[in-house]
Amino acid sequence: MSPMNETKGILLVNKSTSKTSFSLVSLLRKLTKVKKIGHAGTLDPFASGLMIMLIGKSYTQKSLDFINHDKTYVCRLHLGYTTKTFDTEAEKVFYS
């Protein structure tokens, strides 16, 4: 494919907690048939939020332009319990 016909651009994707950053890249590659797809920063598997997806060589090469900006994080905290695995996926085993 010539550079003029290259599928390229920026796509904002709202990642759910059930997906990984890599699974979104993989899904976009499958849907668009574009091999050069990346993102401007990964999100933890338990995190949800917007991810900047970079499609095409001309955009993936500029990933640092997108990464070096301020980011905002919002969290929800539950105090007073523990789980067997110390994460949110397991059954609560102790309440204080």
N, C-alpha and C. Protein backbone atom coordinates (compact mmCIF):
# COMPACT_ATOMS: atom_id res chain seq x y z
N MET A 1 0.85 -1.18 0.00
CA MET A 1 0.00 0.00 0.00
C MET A 1 0.89 1.23 0.00
N SER A 2 0.60 2.16 -0.86
CA SER A 2 1.40 3.37 -0.93
C SER A 2 1.07 4.29 0.24
N PRO A 3 2.01 5.18 0.61
CA PRO A 3 1.77 6.09 1.73
C PRO A 3 0.50 6.93 1.58
N MET A 4 0.11 7.24 0.36
CA MET A 4 -1.10 8.04 0.14
C MET A 4 -2.36 7.25 0.51
N ASN A 5 -2.32 5.92 0.36
CA ASN A 5 -3.48 5.09 0.63
C ASN A 5 -3.42 4.42 2.00
N GLU A 6 -2.40 4.73 2.78
CA GLU A 6 -2.22 4.10 4.08
C GLU A 6 -3.37 4.47 5.03
N THR A 7 -3.92 3.46 5.69
CA THR A 7 -4.90 3.72 6.74
C THR A 7 -4.13 4.23 7.94
N LYS A 8 -4.48 5.42 8.41
CA LYS A 8 -3.73 6.03 9.49
C LYS A 8 -4.61 6.98 10.27
N GLY A 9 -4.19 7.25 11.50
CA GLY A 9 -4.92 8.22 12.30
C GLY A 9 -4.82 7.94 13.78
N ILE A 10 -5.63 8.67 14.52
CA ILE A 10 -5.69 8.55 15.97
C ILE A 10 -7.12 8.16 16.34
N LEU A 11 -7.23 7.20 17.24
CA LEU A 11 -8.54 6.75 17.67
C LEU A 11 -8.55 6.69 19.19
N LEU A 12 -9.53 7.32 19.81
CA LEU A 12 -9.70 7.22 21.26
C LEU A 12 -10.60 6.03 21.56
N VAL A 13 -10.11 5.14 22.41
CA VAL A 13 -10.86 3.94 22.77
C VAL A 13 -11.08 3.94 24.28
N ASN A 14 -12.31 3.71 24.69
CA ASN A 14 -12.64 3.63 26.11
C ASN A 14 -12.42 2.19 26.57
N LYS A 15 -11.27 1.93 27.21
CA LYS A 15 -10.91 0.58 27.64
C LYS A 15 -11.70 0.21 28.89
N SER A 16 -12.33 -0.96 28.86
CA SER A 16 -13.03 -1.44 30.05
C SER A 16 -12.06 -2.23 30.93
N THR A 17 -12.49 -2.52 32.15
CA THR A 17 -11.62 -3.26 33.07
C THR A 17 -11.41 -4.70 32.64
N SER A 18 -12.24 -5.20 31.75
CA SER A 18 -12.11 -6.59 31.31
C SER A 18 -11.11 -6.76 30.16
N LYS A 19 -10.58 -5.68 29.63
CA LYS A 19 -9.66 -5.74 28.50
C LYS A 19 -8.26 -5.30 28.92
N THR A 20 -7.27 -5.76 28.14
CA THR A 20 -5.90 -5.28 28.33
C THR A 20 -5.57 -4.33 27.18
N SER A 21 -4.54 -3.54 27.36
CA SER A 21 -4.10 -2.64 26.30
C SER A 21 -3.73 -3.43 25.06
N PHE A 22 -3.04 -4.56 25.25
CA PHE A 22 -2.63 -5.38 24.11
C PHE A 22 -3.83 -5.97 23.39
N SER A 23 -4.86 -6.38 24.13
CA SER A 23 -6.03 -6.96 23.47
C SER A 23 -6.74 -5.94 22.58
N LEU A 24 -6.70 -4.66 22.97
CA LEU A 24 -7.30 -3.62 22.12
C LEU A 24 -6.50 -3.42 20.85
N VAL A 25 -5.17 -3.43 20.96
CA VAL A 25 -4.32 -3.32 19.77
C VAL A 25 -4.60 -4.49 18.85
N SER A 26 -4.66 -5.68 19.40
CA SER A 26 -4.91 -6.89 18.62
C SER A 26 -6.27 -6.83 17.91
N LEU A 27 -7.29 -6.38 18.62
CA LEU A 27 -8.62 -6.25 18.03
C LEU A 27 -8.62 -5.23 16.89
N LEU A 28 -7.97 -4.08 17.10
CA LEU A 28 -7.91 -3.06 16.04
C LEU A 28 -7.17 -3.57 14.81
N ARG A 29 -6.09 -4.33 15.02
CA ARG A 29 -5.36 -4.90 13.88
C ARG A 29 -6.27 -5.82 13.08
N LYS A 30 -7.06 -6.61 13.79
CA LYS A 30 -7.97 -7.54 13.12
C LYS A 30 -9.06 -6.79 12.35
N LEU A 31 -9.62 -5.76 12.97
CA LEU A 31 -10.71 -5.02 12.35
C LEU A 31 -10.26 -4.17 11.16
N THR A 32 -9.06 -3.58 11.26
CA THR A 32 -8.60 -2.64 10.23
C THR A 32 -7.67 -3.26 9.20
N LYS A 33 -7.13 -4.45 9.52
CA LYS A 33 -6.13 -5.11 8.66
C LYS A 33 -4.83 -4.29 8.57
N VAL A 34 -4.60 -3.42 9.55
CA VAL A 34 -3.38 -2.61 9.61
C VAL A 34 -2.45 -3.25 10.63
N LYS A 35 -1.19 -3.48 10.24
CA LYS A 35 -0.23 -4.12 11.15
C LYS A 35 0.38 -3.14 12.13
N LYS A 36 0.62 -1.92 11.70
CA LYS A 36 1.27 -0.92 12.55
C LYS A 36 0.22 -0.17 13.37
N ILE A 37 -0.07 -0.72 14.55
CA ILE A 37 -0.99 -0.08 15.49
C ILE A 37 -0.35 -0.13 16.86
N GLY A 38 -0.39 0.98 17.55
CA GLY A 38 0.16 1.05 18.90
C GLY A 38 -0.71 1.95 19.76
N HIS A 39 -0.20 2.27 20.93
CA HIS A 39 -0.94 3.17 21.82
C HIS A 39 0.03 4.11 22.51
N ALA A 40 -0.52 5.19 23.03
CA ALA A 40 0.30 6.20 23.69
C ALA A 40 0.21 6.02 25.20
N GLY A 41 0.60 4.86 25.68
CA GLY A 41 0.59 4.57 27.11
C GLY A 41 -0.41 3.50 27.46
N THR A 42 0.03 2.55 28.24
CA THR A 42 -0.81 1.43 28.62
C THR A 42 -1.62 1.74 29.87
N LEU A 43 -2.70 1.03 30.05
CA LEU A 43 -3.50 1.12 31.27
C LEU A 43 -3.43 -0.22 31.99
N ASP A 44 -3.39 -0.17 33.30
CA ASP A 44 -3.42 -1.38 34.11
C ASP A 44 -4.64 -2.22 33.74
N PRO A 45 -4.54 -3.56 33.77
CA PRO A 45 -5.70 -4.39 33.42
C PRO A 45 -6.94 -4.10 34.27
N PHE A 46 -6.78 -3.68 35.52
CA PHE A 46 -7.94 -3.36 36.37
C PHE A 46 -8.46 -1.94 36.15
N ALA A 47 -7.77 -1.16 35.33
CA ALA A 47 -8.17 0.24 35.10
C ALA A 47 -9.05 0.35 33.86
N SER A 48 -9.95 1.30 33.90
CA SER A 48 -10.73 1.64 32.71
C SER A 48 -10.42 3.09 32.36
N GLY A 49 -10.62 3.44 31.10
CA GLY A 49 -10.38 4.82 30.70
C GLY A 49 -10.01 4.94 29.24
N LEU A 50 -9.81 6.16 28.80
CA LEU A 50 -9.51 6.43 27.41
C LEU A 50 -8.06 6.10 27.08
N MET A 51 -7.87 5.42 25.97
CA MET A 51 -6.54 5.14 25.45
C MET A 51 -6.41 5.77 24.08
N ILE A 52 -5.27 6.38 23.82
CA ILE A 52 -4.98 6.95 22.51
C ILE A 52 -4.36 5.85 21.66
N MET A 53 -5.08 5.41 20.64
CA MET A 53 -4.60 4.38 19.74
C MET A 53 -4.03 5.06 18.49
N LEU A 54 -2.84 4.63 18.09
CA LEU A 54 -2.13 5.23 16.96
C LEU A 54 -2.12 4.22 15.82
N ILE A 55 -2.69 4.61 14.70
CA ILE A 55 -2.88 3.70 13.58
C ILE A 55 -2.03 4.14 12.40
N GLY A 56 -1.18 3.23 11.93
CA GLY A 56 -0.32 3.51 10.79
C GLY A 56 1.07 3.94 11.22
N LYS A 57 2.04 3.65 10.37
CA LYS A 57 3.45 3.91 10.69
C LYS A 57 3.71 5.38 11.02
N SER A 58 3.10 6.27 10.26
CA SER A 58 3.36 7.70 10.48
C SER A 58 2.89 8.17 11.85
N TYR A 59 1.91 7.49 12.45
CA TYR A 59 1.43 7.87 13.78
C TYR A 59 2.14 7.10 14.89
N THR A 60 2.41 5.81 14.68
CA THR A 60 3.09 5.04 15.73
C THR A 60 4.50 5.58 15.98
N GLN A 61 5.12 6.16 14.96
CA GLN A 61 6.45 6.74 15.13
C GLN A 61 6.43 8.00 16.00
N LYS A 62 5.25 8.58 16.18
CA LYS A 62 5.12 9.82 16.97
C LYS A 62 4.53 9.55 18.35
N SER A 63 4.63 8.32 18.85
CA SER A 63 3.99 7.99 20.13
C SER A 63 4.50 8.84 21.28
N LEU A 64 5.79 9.19 21.27
CA LEU A 64 6.34 10.01 22.36
C LEU A 64 5.70 11.40 22.41
N ASP A 65 5.23 11.89 21.27
CA ASP A 65 4.55 13.19 21.25
C ASP A 65 3.27 13.15 22.09
N PHE A 66 2.66 11.98 22.19
CA PHE A 66 1.41 11.84 22.93
C PHE A 66 1.64 11.41 24.38
N ILE A 67 2.70 10.68 24.63
CA ILE A 67 2.97 10.14 25.96
C ILE A 67 3.40 11.22 26.94
N ASN A 68 4.16 12.20 26.49
CA ASN A 68 4.75 13.20 27.38
C ASN A 68 3.80 14.36 27.69
N HIS A 69 2.59 14.04 28.12
CA HIS A 69 1.61 15.05 28.52
C HIS A 69 1.06 14.69 29.89
N ASP A 70 0.48 15.67 30.57
CA ASP A 70 -0.14 15.40 31.87
C ASP A 70 -1.30 14.44 31.71
N LYS A 71 -1.46 13.60 32.70
CA LYS A 71 -2.57 12.65 32.73
C LYS A 71 -3.33 12.84 34.03
N THR A 72 -4.59 12.52 34.03
CA THR A 72 -5.42 12.61 35.21
C THR A 72 -5.95 11.23 35.56
N TYR A 73 -5.87 10.89 36.83
CA TYR A 73 -6.35 9.60 37.30
C TYR A 73 -7.42 9.83 38.36
N VAL A 74 -8.48 9.05 38.30
CA VAL A 74 -9.54 9.07 39.30
C VAL A 74 -9.67 7.64 39.80
N CYS A 75 -9.74 7.49 41.11
CA CYS A 75 -9.87 6.12 41.64
C CYS A 75 -11.01 6.05 42.64
N ARG A 76 -11.50 4.83 42.82
CA ARG A 76 -12.51 4.54 43.82
C ARG A 76 -11.86 3.60 44.82
N LEU A 77 -11.93 3.93 46.08
CA LEU A 77 -11.23 3.20 47.12
C LEU A 77 -12.23 2.60 48.10
N HIS A 78 -12.07 1.33 48.40
CA HIS A 78 -12.90 0.65 49.40
C HIS A 78 -12.00 0.25 50.55
N LEU A 79 -12.24 0.83 51.71
CA LEU A 79 -11.44 0.54 52.90
C LEU A 79 -12.17 -0.43 53.81
N GLY A 80 -11.39 -1.20 54.56
CA GLY A 80 -11.98 -2.02 55.61
C GLY A 80 -12.16 -3.48 55.29
N TYR A 81 -11.61 -3.97 54.20
CA TYR A 81 -11.71 -5.40 53.93
C TYR A 81 -10.46 -5.90 53.22
N THR A 82 -10.26 -7.19 53.27
CA THR A 82 -9.18 -7.84 52.52
C THR A 82 -9.77 -9.01 51.73
N THR A 83 -9.00 -9.48 50.77
CA THR A 83 -9.39 -10.65 49.99
C THR A 83 -8.23 -11.64 50.00
N LYS A 84 -8.51 -12.87 49.60
CA LYS A 84 -7.47 -13.90 49.58
C LYS A 84 -6.33 -13.55 48.63
N THR A 85 -6.64 -12.86 47.55
CA THR A 85 -5.63 -12.55 46.53
C THR A 85 -5.20 -11.08 46.56
N PHE A 86 -5.73 -10.30 47.49
CA PHE A 86 -5.39 -8.88 47.65
C PHE A 86 -5.71 -8.04 46.41
N ASP A 87 -6.73 -8.44 45.67
CA ASP A 87 -7.22 -7.63 44.55
C ASP A 87 -8.74 -7.60 44.59
N THR A 88 -9.35 -6.91 43.66
CA THR A 88 -10.80 -6.74 43.67
C THR A 88 -11.56 -7.92 43.10
N GLU A 89 -10.86 -8.88 42.54
CA GLU A 89 -11.51 -10.00 41.88
C GLU A 89 -11.94 -11.11 42.84
N ALA A 90 -11.33 -11.19 44.00
CA ALA A 90 -11.58 -12.30 44.92
C ALA A 90 -12.67 -11.96 45.93
N GLU A 91 -13.16 -13.00 46.58
CA GLU A 91 -14.17 -12.84 47.62
C GLU A 91 -13.58 -12.10 48.83
N LYS A 92 -14.37 -11.24 49.42
CA LYS A 92 -13.94 -10.51 50.61
C LYS A 92 -13.91 -11.48 51.79
N VAL A 93 -12.78 -11.48 52.52
CA VAL A 93 -12.63 -12.46 53.61
C VAL A 93 -12.55 -11.82 54.99
N PHE A 94 -12.31 -10.54 55.07
CA PHE A 94 -12.19 -9.91 56.39
C PHE A 94 -12.69 -8.48 56.30
N TYR A 95 -13.52 -8.12 57.25
CA TYR A 95 -14.01 -6.74 57.36
C TYR A 95 -13.55 -6.17 58.69
N SER A 96 -13.13 -4.93 58.68
CA SER A 96 -12.74 -4.31 59.96
C SER A 96 -13.77 -3.29 60.37
